[in-house]
C-alpha atoms as a PDB file:
ATOM      1  CA  MET A   1     111.226 -31.062  82.149  1.00  0.00           C
ATOM      2  CA  LEU A   2     114.551 -30.054  80.564  1.00  0.00           C
ATOM      3  CA  ARG A   3     116.243 -32.012  83.047  1.00  0.00           C
ATOM      4  CA  ARG A   4     114.785 -34.651  83.486  1.00  0.00           C
ATOM      5  CA  ILE A   5     115.059 -35.039  79.534  1.00  0.00           C
ATOM      6  CA  ALA A   6     118.753 -34.562  79.439  1.00  0.00           C
ATOM      7  CA  LEU A   7     118.580 -37.034  82.397  1.00  0.00           C
ATOM      8  CA  SER A   8     116.595 -39.611  80.390  1.00  0.00           C
ATOM      9  CA  LEU A   9     119.470 -39.363  77.522  1.00  0.00           C
ATOM     10  CA  VAL A  10     121.959 -39.885  80.358  1.00  0.00           C
ATOM     11  CA  THR A  11     120.583 -43.052  81.673  1.00  0.00           C
ATOM     12  CA  LEU A  12     119.809 -44.638  77.743  1.00  0.00           C
ATOM     13  CA  VAL A  13     122.888 -44.287  76.708  1.00  0.00           C
ATOM     14  CA  LEU A  14     124.286 -45.453  80.305  1.00  0.00           C
ATOM     15  CA  LEU A  15     121.922 -48.848  78.762  1.00  0.00           C
ATOM     16  CA  SER A  16     123.516 -49.005  75.642  1.00  0.00           C
ATOM     17  CA  LEU A  17     126.784 -49.371  76.820  1.00  0.00           C
ATOM     18  CA  MET A  18     125.696 -52.562  79.338  1.00  0.00           C
ATOM     19  CA  VAL A  19     123.444 -54.060  76.744  1.00  0.00           C
ATOM     20  CA  PHE A  20     126.358 -53.887  74.175  1.00  0.00           C
ATOM     21  CA  PHE A  21     129.248 -54.693  76.394  1.00  0.00           C
ATOM     22  CA  GLY A  22     127.130 -57.564  78.130  1.00  0.00           C
ATOM     23  CA  GLY A  23     125.785 -59.290  76.034  1.00  0.00           C
ATOM     24  CA  GLN A  24     129.133 -59.753  75.029  1.00  0.00           C
ATOM     25  CA  VAL A  25     130.282 -61.749  77.596  1.00  0.00           C
ATOM     26  CA  LEU A  26     128.031 -64.265  76.964  1.00  0.00           C
ATOM     27  CA  PRO A  27     129.260 -67.592  76.677  1.00  0.00           C
ATOM     28  CA  GLY A  28     129.072 -69.475  73.293  1.00  0.00           C
ATOM     29  CA  ASN A  29     129.824 -68.238  69.700  1.00  0.00           C
ATOM     30  CA  VAL A  30     127.820 -66.479  67.148  1.00  0.00           C
ATOM     31  CA  GLY A  31     128.971 -68.465  64.086  1.00  0.00           C
ATOM     32  CA  ARG A  32     128.325 -71.920  66.163  1.00  0.00           C
ATOM     33  CA  ALA A  33     125.363 -70.556  67.261  1.00  0.00           C
ATOM     34  CA  ILE A  34     123.905 -70.215  64.509  1.00  0.00           C
ATOM     35  CA  LEU A  35     125.313 -72.849  62.148  1.00  0.00           C
ATOM     36  CA  GLY A  36     125.527 -75.416  64.623  1.00  0.00           C
ATOM     37  CA  PRO A  37     127.503 -77.782  66.317  1.00  0.00           C
ATOM     38  CA  PHE A  38     128.451 -79.850  63.506  1.00  0.00           C
ATOM     39  CA  ALA A  39     129.456 -76.937  61.371  1.00  0.00           C
ATOM     40  CA  ASP A  40     133.833 -76.544  60.500  1.00  0.00           C
ATOM     41  CA  GLU A  41     135.694 -73.648  62.585  1.00  0.00           C
ATOM     42  CA  ALA A  42     136.727 -72.324  58.888  1.00  0.00           C
ATOM     43  CA  SER A  43     133.155 -71.802  58.204  1.00  0.00           C
ATOM     44  CA  VAL A  44     132.434 -70.462  61.866  1.00  0.00           C
ATOM     45  CA  GLN A  45     135.362 -67.871  61.617  1.00  0.00           C
ATOM     46  CA  ALA A  46     134.154 -66.691  58.324  1.00  0.00           C
ATOM     47  CA  LEU A  47     130.979 -66.571  58.699  1.00  0.00           C
ATOM     48  CA  ASN A  48     131.910 -64.047  62.281  1.00  0.00           C
ATOM     49  CA  GLN A  49     133.543 -62.056  59.707  1.00  0.00           C
ATOM     50  CA  SER A  50     131.069 -61.099  58.078  1.00  0.00           C
ATOM     51  CA  LEU A  51     128.573 -60.067  60.281  1.00  0.00           C
ATOM     52  CA  GLY A  52     131.819 -58.160  61.301  1.00  0.00           C
ATOM     53  CA  LEU A  53     132.382 -59.601  64.940  1.00  0.00           C
ATOM     54  CA  ASP A  54     136.269 -59.177  64.297  1.00  0.00           C
ATOM     55  CA  ARG A  55     136.091 -55.457  64.649  1.00  0.00           C
ATOM     56  CA  PRO A  56     136.909 -53.737  68.126  1.00  0.00           C
ATOM     57  CA  TYR A  57     134.036 -53.685  71.024  1.00  0.00           C
ATOM     58  CA  ILE A  58     134.149 -50.181  70.825  1.00  0.00           C
ATOM     59  CA  VAL A  59     133.915 -49.765  66.671  1.00  0.00           C
ATOM     60  CA  GLN A  60     130.829 -52.302  67.248  1.00  0.00           C
ATOM     61  CA  TYR A  61     129.144 -50.447  69.780  1.00  0.00           C
ATOM     62  CA  TRP A  62     128.985 -46.967  67.232  1.00  0.00           C
ATOM     63  CA  ASP A  63     128.315 -48.760  64.579  1.00  0.00           C
ATOM     64  CA  TRP A  64     125.224 -50.517  65.820  1.00  0.00           C
ATOM     65  CA  ILE A  65     123.383 -47.143  68.499  1.00  0.00           C
ATOM     66  CA  SER A  66     124.510 -44.440  65.402  1.00  0.00           C
ATOM     67  CA  ASN A  67     122.208 -46.610  63.027  1.00  0.00           C
ATOM     68  CA  PHE A  68     119.969 -46.908  66.128  1.00  0.00           C
ATOM     69  CA  VAL A  69     119.392 -43.427  66.442  1.00  0.00           C
ATOM     70  CA  GLN A  70     118.535 -43.389  62.287  1.00  0.00           C
ATOM     71  CA  GLY A  71     115.638 -46.284  63.154  1.00  0.00           C
ATOM     72  CA  ASP A  72     118.201 -48.807  61.978  1.00  0.00           C
ATOM     73  CA  MET A  73     118.257 -51.205  64.720  1.00  0.00           C
ATOM     74  CA  GLY A  74     120.396 -53.651  62.184  1.00  0.00           C
ATOM     75  CA  MET A  75     119.635 -57.504  60.885  1.00  0.00           C
ATOM     76  CA  SER A  76     119.294 -59.823  63.044  1.00  0.00           C
ATOM     77  CA  TYR A  77     121.666 -62.559  63.117  1.00  0.00           C
ATOM     78  CA  ALA A  78     119.233 -66.137  62.809  1.00  0.00           C
ATOM     79  CA  PHE A  79     117.439 -64.986  60.484  1.00  0.00           C
ATOM     80  CA  ARG A  80     118.831 -62.348  58.338  1.00  0.00           C
ATOM     81  CA  SER A  81     116.487 -60.210  57.579  1.00  0.00           C
ATOM     82  CA  PRO A  82     115.757 -56.388  59.096  1.00  0.00           C
ATOM     83  CA  VAL A  83     114.906 -56.356  63.033  1.00  0.00           C
ATOM     84  CA  ALA A  84     113.558 -53.567  62.989  1.00  0.00           C
ATOM     85  CA  PRO A  85     110.205 -55.790  62.118  1.00  0.00           C
ATOM     86  CA  PHE A  86     110.486 -58.017  64.664  1.00  0.00           C
ATOM     87  CA  VAL A  87     110.474 -55.725  67.417  1.00  0.00           C
ATOM     88  CA  LEU A  88     108.151 -53.631  66.538  1.00  0.00           C
ATOM     89  CA  ASP A  89     105.257 -56.434  65.961  1.00  0.00           C
ATOM     90  CA  ALA A  90     106.918 -57.637  69.163  1.00  0.00           C
ATOM     91  CA  LEU A  91     106.508 -54.399  71.177  1.00  0.00           C
ATOM     92  CA  ALA A  92     103.004 -54.296  69.892  1.00  0.00           C
ATOM     93  CA  ASN A  93     101.278 -57.455  71.105  1.00  0.00           C
ATOM     94  CA  SER A  94     103.015 -56.414  74.764  1.00  0.00           C
ATOM     95  CA  CYS A  95     101.047 -53.088  74.203  1.00  0.00           C
ATOM     96  CA  LYS A  96      98.359 -54.992  73.403  1.00  0.00           C
ATOM     97  CA  LEU A  97      99.128 -57.261  76.829  1.00  0.00           C
ATOM     98  CA  ALA A  98      99.830 -54.224  79.037  1.00  0.00           C
ATOM     99  CA  LEU A  99      97.358 -51.968  78.108  1.00  0.00           C
ATOM    100  CA  VAL A 100      94.798 -54.657  79.457  1.00  0.00           C
ATOM    101  CA  ALA A 101      96.688 -55.713  82.245  1.00  0.00           C
ATOM    102  CA  PHE A 102      97.268 -51.896  82.980  1.00  0.00           C
ATOM    103  CA  LEU A 103      92.763 -50.536  82.578  1.00  0.00           C
ATOM    104  CA  ILE A 104      91.500 -53.626  84.762  1.00  0.00           C
ATOM    105  CA  VAL A 105      95.253 -52.910  87.737  1.00  0.00           C
ATOM    106  CA  VAL A 106      94.551 -49.020  87.916  1.00  0.00           C
ATOM    107  CA  PRO A 107      91.249 -48.709  88.810  1.00  0.00           C
ATOM    108  CA  LEU A 108      90.805 -51.451  90.926  1.00  0.00           C
ATOM    109  CA  GLY A 109      94.119 -50.336  92.492  1.00  0.00           C
ATOM    110  CA  ILE A 110      93.267 -46.670  93.370  1.00  0.00           C
ATOM    111  CA  LEU A 111      89.715 -47.853  94.491  1.00  0.00           C
ATOM    112  CA  GLY A 112      91.565 -50.732  96.863  1.00  0.00           C
ATOM    113  CA  GLY A 113      93.202 -48.001  97.790  1.00  0.00           C
ATOM    114  CA  ILE A 114      90.312 -45.882  98.416  1.00  0.00           C
ATOM    115  CA  VAL A 115      87.803 -47.808 100.262  1.00  0.00           C
ATOM    116  CA  ALA A 116      91.160 -48.639 102.622  1.00  0.00           C
ATOM    117  CA  ALA A 117      91.888 -45.095 103.699  1.00  0.00           C
ATOM    118  CA  LEU A 118      88.273 -44.761 103.741  1.00  0.00           C
ATOM    119  CA  ASN A 119      87.834 -47.459 106.232  1.00  0.00           C
ATOM    120  CA  VAL A 120      91.408 -47.320 108.054  1.00  0.00           C
ATOM    121  CA  ASN A 121      92.806 -49.735 110.650  1.00  0.00           C
ATOM    122  CA  ARG A 122      88.957 -51.376 110.031  1.00  0.00           C
ATOM    123  CA  PRO A 123      89.331 -55.545 109.326  1.00  0.00           C
ATOM    124  CA  ILE A 124      88.638 -54.440 105.270  1.00  0.00           C
ATOM    125  CA  ASP A 125      91.403 -52.086 104.953  1.00  0.00           C
ATOM    126  CA  ARG A 126      93.765 -55.058 107.075  1.00  0.00           C
ATOM    127  CA  ILE A 127      92.115 -57.106 104.442  1.00  0.00           C
ATOM    128  CA  ILE A 128      93.271 -54.991 101.719  1.00  0.00           C
ATOM    129  CA  SER A 129      96.552 -53.816 102.361  1.00  0.00           C
ATOM    130  CA  LEU A 130      97.608 -57.509 103.788  1.00  0.00           C
ATOM    131  CA  GLY A 131      95.937 -59.011 101.123  1.00  0.00           C
ATOM    132  CA  GLY A 132      97.562 -57.414  98.474  1.00  0.00           C
ATOM    133  CA  LEU A 133     101.612 -57.311  99.353  1.00  0.00           C
ATOM    134  CA  SER A 134     100.912 -61.301  99.926  1.00  0.00           C
ATOM    135  CA  VAL A 135     100.111 -61.404  96.380  1.00  0.00           C
ATOM    136  CA  THR A 136     102.511 -59.187  95.401  1.00  0.00           C
ATOM    137  CA  VAL A 137     105.473 -60.641  96.711  1.00  0.00           C
ATOM    138  CA  LEU A 138     104.943 -64.332  94.929  1.00  0.00           C
ATOM    139  CA  PRO A 139     106.432 -64.803  91.399  1.00  0.00           C
ATOM    140  CA  GLU A 140     104.672 -64.441  88.359  1.00  0.00           C
ATOM    141  CA  PHE A 141     105.054 -68.075  87.167  1.00  0.00           C
ATOM    142  CA  VAL A 142     103.789 -69.336  90.680  1.00  0.00           C
ATOM    143  CA  THR A 143     100.654 -67.427  90.175  1.00  0.00           C
ATOM    144  CA  GLY A 144     100.241 -68.054  86.038  1.00  0.00           C
ATOM    145  CA  ILE A 145     100.551 -71.204  86.966  1.00  0.00           C
ATOM    146  CA  VAL A 146      97.528 -71.690  89.686  1.00  0.00           C
ATOM    147  CA  LEU A 147      95.382 -69.176  87.394  1.00  0.00           C
ATOM    148  CA  ILE A 148      95.873 -71.701  84.857  1.00  0.00           C
ATOM    149  CA  LEU A 149      94.844 -74.835  86.656  1.00  0.00           C
ATOM    150  CA  ILE A 150      91.859 -73.082  87.780  1.00  0.00           C
ATOM    151  CA  PHE A 151      90.567 -71.154  84.778  1.00  0.00           C
ATOM    152  CA  SER A 152      91.797 -72.902  82.055  1.00  0.00           C
ATOM    153  CA  ILE A 153      91.600 -76.496  83.754  1.00  0.00           C
ATOM    154  CA  TRP A 154      89.130 -76.877  86.108  1.00  0.00           C
ATOM    155  CA  LEU A 155      86.515 -74.336  85.189  1.00  0.00           C
ATOM    156  CA  ASP A 156      87.817 -74.130  81.123  1.00  0.00           C
ATOM    157  CA  TRP A 157      86.387 -70.609  81.233  1.00  0.00           C
ATOM    158  CA  LEU A 158      90.011 -69.211  79.943  1.00  0.00           C
ATOM    159  CA  PRO A 159      92.298 -70.698  77.059  1.00  0.00           C
ATOM    160  CA  VAL A 160      95.780 -71.765  78.231  1.00  0.00           C
ATOM    161  CA  THR A 161      97.447 -69.950  75.587  1.00  0.00           C
ATOM    162  CA  ALA A 162      97.772 -66.024  75.099  1.00  0.00           C
ATOM    163  CA  THR A 163      97.952 -66.477  71.103  1.00  0.00           C
ATOM    164  CA  TRP A 164      94.559 -65.913  69.386  1.00  0.00           C
ATOM    165  CA  PRO A 165      93.851 -67.293  65.584  1.00  0.00           C
ATOM    166  CA  GLU A 166      94.984 -65.615  62.730  1.00  0.00           C
ATOM    167  CA  GLY A 167      92.443 -63.083  61.782  1.00  0.00           C
ATOM    168  CA  ALA A 168      91.202 -62.575  64.920  1.00  0.00           C
ATOM    169  CA  GLY A 169      88.737 -59.399  65.829  1.00  0.00           C
ATOM    170  CA  LEU A 170      89.325 -57.550  69.359  1.00  0.00           C
ATOM    171  CA  GLY A 171      86.377 -59.453  71.068  1.00  0.00           C
ATOM    172  CA  THR A 172      88.807 -62.620  70.847  1.00  0.00           C
ATOM    173  CA  GLN A 173      92.121 -61.013  71.322  1.00  0.00           C
ATOM    174  CA  LEU A 174      90.496 -59.627  74.283  1.00  0.00           C
ATOM    175  CA  TYR A 175      89.365 -63.146  75.394  1.00  0.00           C
ATOM    176  CA  HIS A 176      92.966 -64.509  75.411  1.00  0.00           C
ATOM    177  CA  LEU A 177      94.442 -61.684  76.964  1.00  0.00           C
ATOM    178  CA  ILE A 178      92.838 -62.225  80.147  1.00  0.00           C
ATOM    179  CA  LEU A 179      94.182 -64.917  81.712  1.00  0.00           C
ATOM    180  CA  PRO A 180      97.753 -63.698  80.899  1.00  0.00           C
ATOM    181  CA  ALA A 181      96.623 -59.960  82.350  1.00  0.00           C
ATOM    182  CA  LEU A 182      96.233 -61.364  85.902  1.00  0.00           C
ATOM    183  CA  PRO A 183      98.987 -62.546  87.170  1.00  0.00           C
ATOM    184  CA  LEU A 184     100.142 -58.545  86.429  1.00  0.00           C
ATOM    185  CA  PHE A 185      97.785 -57.554  88.462  1.00  0.00           C
ATOM    186  CA  LEU A 186      98.233 -60.187  91.104  1.00  0.00           C
ATOM    187  CA  VAL A 187     101.543 -58.623  91.524  1.00  0.00           C
ATOM    188  CA  LEU A 188     100.697 -54.862  91.174  1.00  0.00           C
ATOM    189  CA  PHE A 189      97.757 -54.130  92.886  1.00  0.00           C
ATOM    190  CA  GLY A 190      99.157 -53.831  96.377  1.00  0.00           C
ATOM    191  CA  TYR A 191     102.182 -51.646  95.501  1.00  0.00           C
ATOM    192  CA  ILE A 192      99.540 -49.166  93.795  1.00  0.00           C
ATOM    193  CA  ALA A 193      96.572 -49.858  96.089  1.00  0.00           C
ATOM    194  CA  ARG A 194      99.554 -48.923  99.365  1.00  0.00           C
ATOM    195  CA  MET A 195     100.059 -45.958  97.420  1.00  0.00           C
ATOM    196  CA  ALA A 196      96.924 -44.808  97.038  1.00  0.00           C
ATOM    197  CA  ARG A 197      96.121 -45.645 100.499  1.00  0.00           C
ATOM    198  CA  ALA A 198      98.732 -43.644 101.965  1.00  0.00           C
ATOM    199  CA  GLY A 199      98.163 -40.415  99.716  1.00  0.00           C
ATOM    200  CA  MET A 200      94.380 -40.835 100.362  1.00  0.00           C
ATOM    201  CA  VAL A 201      95.747 -40.571 104.294  1.00  0.00           C
ATOM    202  CA  GLU A 202      97.791 -38.191 104.340  1.00  0.00           C
ATOM    203  CA  ALA A 203      95.187 -36.035 102.580  1.00  0.00           C
ATOM    204  CA  LEU A 204      91.874 -36.998 104.908  1.00  0.00           C
ATOM    205  CA  ASP A 205      94.574 -35.052 107.952  1.00  0.00           C
ATOM    206  CA  SER A 206      95.503 -31.756 106.038  1.00  0.00           C
ATOM    207  CA  ASP A 207      94.027 -28.712 107.051  1.00  0.00           C
ATOM    208  CA  TYR A 208      92.371 -27.690 103.743  1.00  0.00           C
ATOM    209  CA  THR A 209      90.279 -30.950 104.254  1.00  0.00           C
ATOM    210  CA  ARG A 210      89.156 -29.908 107.474  1.00  0.00           C
ATOM    211  CA  THR A 211      88.417 -26.507 105.553  1.00  0.00           C
ATOM    212  CA  ALA A 212      86.210 -27.684 103.921  1.00  0.00           C
ATOM    213  CA  VAL A 213      84.172 -29.919 106.225  1.00  0.00           C
ATOM    214  CA  LEU A 214      84.106 -26.332 108.258  1.00  0.00           C
ATOM    215  CA  LYS A 215      82.577 -24.832 105.061  1.00  0.00           C
ATOM    216  CA  GLY A 216      79.584 -27.368 105.072  1.00  0.00           C
ATOM    217  CA  LEU A 217      80.581 -29.146 102.174  1.00  0.00           C
ATOM    218  CA  SER A 218      79.199 -32.939 101.898  1.00  0.00           C
ATOM    219  CA  TRP A 219      81.359 -35.606 102.628  1.00  0.00           C
ATOM    220  CA  PRO A 220      81.397 -36.743  99.011  1.00  0.00           C
ATOM    221  CA  THR A 221      82.613 -33.227  97.494  1.00  0.00           C
ATOM    222  CA  VAL A 222      85.066 -33.475  99.980  1.00  0.00           C
ATOM    223  CA  ILE A 223      86.340 -36.314  98.829  1.00  0.00           C
ATOM    224  CA  ARG A 224      85.751 -35.848  95.014  1.00  0.00           C
ATOM    225  CA  ARG A 225      86.844 -31.521  94.416  1.00  0.00           C
ATOM    226  CA  HIS A 226      89.735 -31.716  97.349  1.00  0.00           C
ATOM    227  CA  VAL A 227      90.632 -35.093  98.714  1.00  0.00           C
ATOM    228  CA  LEU A 228      91.543 -37.452  95.801  1.00  0.00           C
ATOM    229  CA  ARG A 229      93.160 -34.243  93.354  1.00  0.00           C
ATOM    230  CA  ASN A 230      95.299 -34.189  96.286  1.00  0.00           C
ATOM    231  CA  ALA A 231      96.226 -37.988  97.298  1.00  0.00           C
ATOM    232  CA  LEU A 232      96.385 -39.430  94.001  1.00  0.00           C
ATOM    233  CA  LEU A 233      98.967 -37.391  93.093  1.00  0.00           C
ATOM    234  CA  PRO A 234     102.011 -39.283  94.151  1.00  0.00           C
ATOM    235  CA  THR A 235     100.048 -42.442  92.424  1.00  0.00           C
ATOM    236  CA  ILE A 236     100.608 -41.361  89.059  1.00  0.00           C
ATOM    237  CA  THR A 237     104.358 -41.318  88.936  1.00  0.00           C
ATOM    238  CA  VAL A 238     103.733 -44.917  90.362  1.00  0.00           C
ATOM    239  CA  ILE A 239     101.130 -45.761  87.570  1.00  0.00           C
ATOM    240  CA  ALA A 240     103.990 -44.895  85.123  1.00  0.00           C
ATOM    241  CA  THR A 241     106.969 -46.411  86.457  1.00  0.00           C
ATOM    242  CA  GLN A 242     104.193 -49.344  86.224  1.00  0.00           C
ATOM    243  CA  THR A 243     104.063 -49.305  83.046  1.00  0.00           C
ATOM    244  CA  GLY A 244     107.292 -49.577  82.536  1.00  0.00           C
ATOM    245  CA  TYR A 245     107.026 -52.602  83.968  1.00  0.00           C
ATOM    246  CA  LEU A 246     104.231 -53.437  82.121  1.00  0.00           C
ATOM    247  CA  ILE A 247     106.521 -53.370  78.223  1.00  0.00           C
ATOM    248  CA  GLY A 248     109.601 -54.751  79.588  1.00  0.00           C
ATOM    249  CA  GLY A 249     108.839 -57.047  82.165  1.00  0.00           C
ATOM    250  CA  LEU A 250     107.272 -59.794  80.490  1.00  0.00           C
ATOM    251  CA  VAL A 251     109.263 -62.186  80.231  1.00  0.00           C
ATOM    252  CA  VAL A 252     108.199 -64.671  82.198  1.00  0.00           C
ATOM    253  CA  VAL A 253     103.982 -63.940  81.344  1.00  0.00           C
ATOM    254  CA  GLU A 254     104.856 -64.083  77.722  1.00  0.00           C
ATOM    255  CA  THR A 255     106.924 -67.866  78.402  1.00  0.00           C
ATOM    256  CA  LEU A 256     104.737 -68.942  80.157  1.00  0.00           C
ATOM    257  CA  PHE A 257     101.166 -67.955  78.083  1.00  0.00           C
ATOM    258  CA  ARG A 258     103.398 -68.681  74.730  1.00  0.00           C
ATOM    259  CA  TYR A 259     102.675 -65.138  73.666  1.00  0.00           C
ATOM    260  CA  GLN A 260     105.147 -63.366  70.992  1.00  0.00           C
ATOM    261  CA  GLY A 261     105.705 -60.328  73.153  1.00  0.00           C
ATOM    262  CA  ILE A 262     108.936 -58.263  73.534  1.00  0.00           C
ATOM    263  CA  GLY A 263     109.736 -59.977  76.573  1.00  0.00           C
ATOM    264  CA  SER A 264     109.298 -63.210  74.730  1.00  0.00           C
ATOM    265  CA  LEU A 265     111.699 -62.445  71.702  1.00  0.00           C
ATOM    266  CA  ILE A 266     115.099 -60.755  74.044  1.00  0.00           C
ATOM    267  CA  TYR A 267     114.731 -63.955  75.703  1.00  0.00           C
ATOM    268  CA  THR A 268     114.584 -66.010  72.461  1.00  0.00           C
ATOM    269  CA  ALA A 269     117.288 -63.681  71.322  1.00  0.00           C
ATOM    270  CA  ALA A 270     119.673 -64.063  74.233  1.00  0.00           C
ATOM    271  CA  ARG A 271     119.386 -67.766  73.948  1.00  0.00           C
ATOM    272  CA  GLY A 272     120.170 -67.916  70.642  1.00  0.00           C
ATOM    273  CA  LYS A 273     123.242 -65.353  70.962  1.00  0.00           C
ATOM    274  CA  ASP A 274     121.527 -62.601  68.245  1.00  0.00           C
ATOM    275  CA  PHE A 275     122.758 -59.364  69.711  1.00  0.00           C
ATOM    276  CA  PRO A 276     121.410 -57.148  67.662  1.00  0.00           C
ATOM    277  CA  MET A 277     117.871 -58.724  67.942  1.00  0.00           C
ATOM    278  CA  LEU A 278     118.648 -58.352  71.921  1.00  0.00           C
ATOM    279  CA  GLU A 279     120.409 -55.039  71.822  1.00  0.00           C
ATOM    280  CA  ALA A 280     117.475 -53.769  69.947  1.00  0.00           C
ATOM    281  CA  GLY A 281     114.662 -54.985  72.622  1.00  0.00           C
ATOM    282  CA  ILE A 282     116.333 -54.295  75.646  1.00  0.00           C
ATOM    283  CA  LEU A 283     117.283 -50.328  74.372  1.00  0.00           C
ATOM    284  CA  THR A 284     113.587 -50.466  72.819  1.00  0.00           C
ATOM    285  CA  ILE A 285     112.205 -51.239  76.142  1.00  0.00           C
ATOM    286  CA  GLY A 286     114.741 -48.581  77.740  1.00  0.00           C
ATOM    287  CA  VAL A 287     112.968 -46.210  75.364  1.00  0.00           C
ATOM    288  CA  VAL A 288     109.331 -46.507  76.425  1.00  0.00           C
ATOM    289  CA  PHE A 289     110.293 -46.604  80.341  1.00  0.00           C
ATOM    290  CA  ALA A 290     111.663 -43.079  80.160  1.00  0.00           C
ATOM    291  CA  LEU A 291     108.955 -42.006  77.504  1.00  0.00           C
ATOM    292  CA  ALA A 292     106.795 -42.826  80.469  1.00  0.00           C
ATOM    293  CA  THR A 293     108.576 -41.423  83.005  1.00  0.00           C
ATOM    294  CA  LEU A 294     108.795 -38.500  81.374  1.00  0.00           C
ATOM    295  CA  ALA A 295     105.235 -38.536  80.658  1.00  0.00           C
ATOM    296  CA  ALA A 296     103.943 -38.863  84.428  1.00  0.00           C
ATOM    297  CA  ASP A 297     106.245 -36.158  85.214  1.00  0.00           C
ATOM    298  CA  LEU A 298     104.802 -33.914  82.639  1.00  0.00           C
ATOM    299  CA  ALA A 299     101.274 -34.822  84.436  1.00  0.00           C
ATOM    300  CA  TYR A 300     102.602 -34.399  87.463  1.00  0.00           C
ATOM    301  CA  THR A 301     104.125 -30.750  87.018  1.00  0.00           C
ATOM    302  CA  LEU A 302     100.608 -29.772  85.234  1.00  0.00           C
ATOM    303  CA  LEU A 303      98.572 -31.455  88.302  1.00  0.00           C
ATOM    304  CA  ASN A 304     100.323 -30.110  91.185  1.00  0.00           C
ATOM    305  CA  PRO A 305     100.211 -26.051  91.058  1.00  0.00           C
ATOM    306  CA  ARG A 306     102.645 -25.840  93.935  1.00  0.00           C
ATOM    307  CA  ILE A 307     105.581 -27.408  91.159  1.00  0.00           C
ATOM    308  CA  ARG A 308     103.913 -25.325  87.970  1.00  0.00           C
ATOM    309  CA  LEU A 309     104.010 -21.525  89.927  1.00  0.00           C
ATOM    310  CA  GLY A 310     107.829 -22.688  91.200  1.00  0.00           C
ATOM    311  CA  ALA A 311     108.854 -23.371  87.974  1.00  0.00           C
ATOM    312  CA  GLU A 312     107.348 -19.880  86.563  1.00  0.00           C
ATOM    313  CA  THR A 313     108.870 -17.809  89.206  1.00  0.00           C
END
């Protein structure tokens, strides 16, 4: 775990360097983007100087990353206010959408993998495997538009936008998040189902499963006590990596459904050259992804005695 933590820290440092220096090569001028195309050059240069953009890049990077570590994400160029409230609010919204998608796709994905493994090489196995793989390769904006046409325009069951009225309760928020969660479900279902299926097929063909059957245990007991516990271990890591995607990979979905999440915030910041907002948003996603991966490693270690006992010896 210490090695994993050290690797995550190195990854976050590299990510921060890529984000910061990558943002510097974006076309356009920050001062011009803020003041507009008709502002005189002297005003633009004065604004850039007041924002500290005339300093060497390495100095700007050090000031930014050292303040970020202390919880200060900087000041937004566009809003002239601290970045942290915008990022945290957007992250909370993205977490709500990710949680809804997570609660839908994980149980159904695992269930689909189990059903496919118990019926390997039968028609239901091919339907689940090929169907899941087929919808996985479709981009979110394609499935999102199709789902909007079906459930919002034709059937009028779900709202087009994911933004709920101010002061809405939990039920209303969930009602608005179901439709945006469906494209994410279609993207991730096939991947999780195939991983669960592979683990189940391997576990069903193992010696300990045959031994349990020879002992006279019922088939449901064998599946519950011996097969599932070992088969789903690799799926834990997959689910954790997809959790990071659910938080950070929502730009298309949030833009399509007009949802104020962190993906939409990053997209808006990139268009407006709001570097503090852009850098803080991407690095926050990196931190969430690193924490999700560490949690998966910890869960895998606790559930797998071979790794745990091997570490102890």
